[in-house]
Amino acid sequence: MPKGSGLGIAAHYSFVSYVAAVVEVAVDAKGELTIPRVDIAIDCGATINPDRVRAQMEGACVMGVSAATLARSPSRTAVRSRTISTATR
């Protein structure tokens, strides 16, 4: 891999399906993140409409990339107060 780039790998089993994804990421000299490639493999058994499966995987990819790049992680105070308020109910 060239300097400033890397691979992220994820695998999961859910709803009687195996799914794996490999995401190639790169950061340029200015610190800008790009995602030049995402590969997804799924074993979901027999499908009636393969386009639906593809659309579902593409949507999940967009949602995952959005969560990873745009979402803010909660502060420790927020997590702690949420845990305390849940525990005291």
C-alpha atoms as a PDB file:
ATOM      1  CA  MET A   1       0.000   0.000   0.000  1.00  0.00           C
ATOM      2  CA  PRO A   2       1.283   3.486  -0.751  1.00  0.00           C
ATOM      3  CA  LYS A   3       2.039   5.890   2.087  1.00  0.00           C
ATOM      4  CA  GLY A   4      -1.136   7.520   3.413  1.00  0.00           C
ATOM      5  CA  SER A   5      -3.414   4.651   2.401  1.00  0.00           C
ATOM      6  CA  GLY A   6      -4.759   1.552   4.079  1.00  0.00           C
ATOM      7  CA  LEU A   7      -7.406  -1.141   4.135  1.00  0.00           C
ATOM      8  CA  GLY A   8     -10.253  -1.684   6.566  1.00  0.00           C
ATOM      9  CA  ILE A   9     -11.834  -5.108   6.833  1.00  0.00           C
ATOM     10  CA  ALA A  10     -15.167  -6.092   8.382  1.00  0.00           C
ATOM     11  CA  ALA A  11     -17.117  -9.353   8.463  1.00  0.00           C
ATOM     12  CA  HIS A  12     -20.478 -10.169   9.975  1.00  0.00           C
ATOM     13  CA  TYR A  13     -23.079 -12.930  10.166  1.00  0.00           C
ATOM     14  CA  SER A  14     -26.672 -11.791  10.519  1.00  0.00           C
ATOM     15  CA  PHE A  15     -30.113 -12.800   9.260  1.00  0.00           C
ATOM     16  CA  VAL A  16     -28.700 -16.117   7.972  1.00  0.00           C
ATOM     17  CA  SER A  17     -26.226 -14.243   5.733  1.00  0.00           C
ATOM     18  CA  TYR A  18     -22.477 -13.832   5.733  1.00  0.00           C
ATOM     19  CA  VAL A  19     -21.171 -10.419   4.683  1.00  0.00           C
ATOM     20  CA  ALA A  20     -17.631  -9.097   4.370  1.00  0.00           C
ATOM     21  CA  ALA A  21     -16.316  -5.723   3.236  1.00  0.00           C
ATOM     22  CA  VAL A  22     -12.879  -4.352   2.437  1.00  0.00           C
ATOM     23  CA  VAL A  23     -12.541  -0.574   2.267  1.00  0.00           C
ATOM     24  CA  GLU A  24      -9.522   1.140   0.753  1.00  0.00           C
ATOM     25  CA  VAL A  25      -8.875   4.588   2.234  1.00  0.00           C
ATOM     26  CA  ALA A  26      -6.325   7.269   1.477  1.00  0.00           C
ATOM     27  CA  VAL A  27      -5.332  10.501   3.177  1.00  0.00           C
ATOM     28  CA  ASP A  28      -3.553  13.140   1.111  1.00  0.00           C
ATOM     29  CA  ALA A  29      -0.946  15.671   2.278  1.00  0.00           C
ATOM     30  CA  LYS A  30      -3.713  18.114   3.301  1.00  0.00           C
ATOM     31  CA  GLY A  31      -5.396  15.481   5.493  1.00  0.00           C
ATOM     32  CA  GLU A  32      -8.353  14.952   3.159  1.00  0.00           C
ATOM     33  CA  LEU A  33      -9.840  11.458   3.325  1.00  0.00           C
ATOM     34  CA  THR A  34     -10.855   9.638   0.158  1.00  0.00           C
ATOM     35  CA  ILE A  35     -12.329   6.190  -0.312  1.00  0.00           C
ATOM     36  CA  PRO A  36     -11.228   4.997  -3.732  1.00  0.00           C
ATOM     37  CA  ARG A  37     -12.668   1.485  -3.459  1.00  0.00           C
ATOM     38  CA  VAL A  38     -15.080  -0.663  -1.467  1.00  0.00           C
ATOM     39  CA  ASP A  39     -15.496  -4.386  -2.109  1.00  0.00           C
ATOM     40  CA  ILE A  40     -18.401  -6.277  -0.543  1.00  0.00           C
ATOM     41  CA  ALA A  41     -19.076 -10.009  -0.610  1.00  0.00           C
ATOM     42  CA  ILE A  42     -22.315 -11.569   0.601  1.00  0.00           C
ATOM     43  CA  ASP A  43     -23.605 -15.119   0.898  1.00  0.00           C
ATOM     44  CA  CYS A  44     -27.325 -14.769   1.496  1.00  0.00           C
ATOM     45  CA  GLY A  45     -28.475 -17.946  -0.184  1.00  0.00           C
ATOM     46  CA  ALA A  46     -30.987 -18.013  -3.011  1.00  0.00           C
ATOM     47  CA  THR A  47     -32.236 -14.615  -4.147  1.00  0.00           C
ATOM     48  CA  ILE A  48     -35.328 -13.702  -6.101  1.00  0.00           C
ATOM     49  CA  ASN A  49     -34.055 -10.296  -7.192  1.00  0.00           C
ATOM     50  CA  PRO A  50     -30.260  -9.848  -7.139  1.00  0.00           C
ATOM     51  CA  ASP A  51     -30.642  -6.113  -7.821  1.00  0.00           C
ATOM     52  CA  ARG A  52     -32.361  -5.752  -4.439  1.00  0.00           C
ATOM     53  CA  VAL A  53     -29.444  -7.454  -2.689  1.00  0.00           C
ATOM     54  CA  ARG A  54     -26.986  -5.173  -4.496  1.00  0.00           C
ATOM     55  CA  ALA A  55     -29.026  -2.085  -3.595  1.00  0.00           C
ATOM     56  CA  GLN A  56     -29.168  -3.176   0.054  1.00  0.00           C
ATOM     57  CA  MET A  57     -25.375  -3.645   0.187  1.00  0.00           C
ATOM     58  CA  GLU A  58     -24.728  -0.319  -1.549  1.00  0.00           C
ATOM     59  CA  GLY A  59     -27.061   1.461   0.870  1.00  0.00           C
ATOM     60  CA  ALA A  60     -25.405  -0.197   3.850  1.00  0.00           C
ATOM     61  CA  CYS A  61     -22.020   0.895   2.522  1.00  0.00           C
ATOM     62  CA  VAL A  62     -23.115   4.515   2.167  1.00  0.00           C
ATOM     63  CA  MET A  63     -24.636   4.453   5.651  1.00  0.00           C
ATOM     64  CA  GLY A  64     -21.466   2.930   7.142  1.00  0.00           C
ATOM     65  CA  VAL A  65     -19.168   5.415   5.433  1.00  0.00           C
ATOM     66  CA  SER A  66     -21.402   8.273   6.584  1.00  0.00           C
ATOM     67  CA  ALA A  67     -21.393   7.029  10.165  1.00  0.00           C
ATOM     68  CA  ALA A  68     -17.622   6.543  10.151  1.00  0.00           C
ATOM     69  CA  THR A  69     -16.760   9.909   8.617  1.00  0.00           C
ATOM     70  CA  LEU A  70     -19.509  12.296   9.726  1.00  0.00           C
ATOM     71  CA  ALA A  71     -20.863  11.052  13.057  1.00  0.00           C
ATOM     72  CA  ARG A  72     -19.504  12.497  16.263  1.00  0.00           C
ATOM     73  CA  SER A  73     -18.649  10.099  19.029  1.00  0.00           C
ATOM     74  CA  PRO A  74     -20.430  10.865  22.297  1.00  0.00           C
ATOM     75  CA  SER A  75     -18.441  12.446  25.089  1.00  0.00           C
ATOM     76  CA  ARG A  76     -17.642  10.415  28.175  1.00  0.00           C
ATOM     77  CA  THR A  77     -19.954  12.636  30.230  1.00  0.00           C
ATOM     78  CA  ALA A  78     -22.903  11.999  27.912  1.00  0.00           C
ATOM     79  CA  VAL A  79     -22.349   8.241  27.937  1.00  0.00           C
ATOM     80  CA  ARG A  80     -21.936   8.161  31.712  1.00  0.00           C
ATOM     81  CA  SER A  81     -25.059  10.251  32.374  1.00  0.00           C
ATOM     82  CA  ARG A  82     -27.100   8.115  29.997  1.00  0.00           C
ATOM     83  CA  THR A  83     -25.919   4.949  31.766  1.00  0.00           C
ATOM     84  CA  ILE A  84     -26.708   6.392  35.176  1.00  0.00           C
ATOM     85  CA  SER A  85     -30.168   7.615  34.190  1.00  0.00           C
ATOM     86  CA  THR A  86     -30.992   4.225  32.656  1.00  0.00           C
ATOM     87  CA  ALA A  87     -29.759   2.353  35.718  1.00  0.00           C
ATOM     88  CA  THR A  88     -31.830   4.469  38.139  1.00  0.00           C
ATOM     89  CA  ARG A  89     -35.153   3.944  36.404  1.00  0.00           C
END
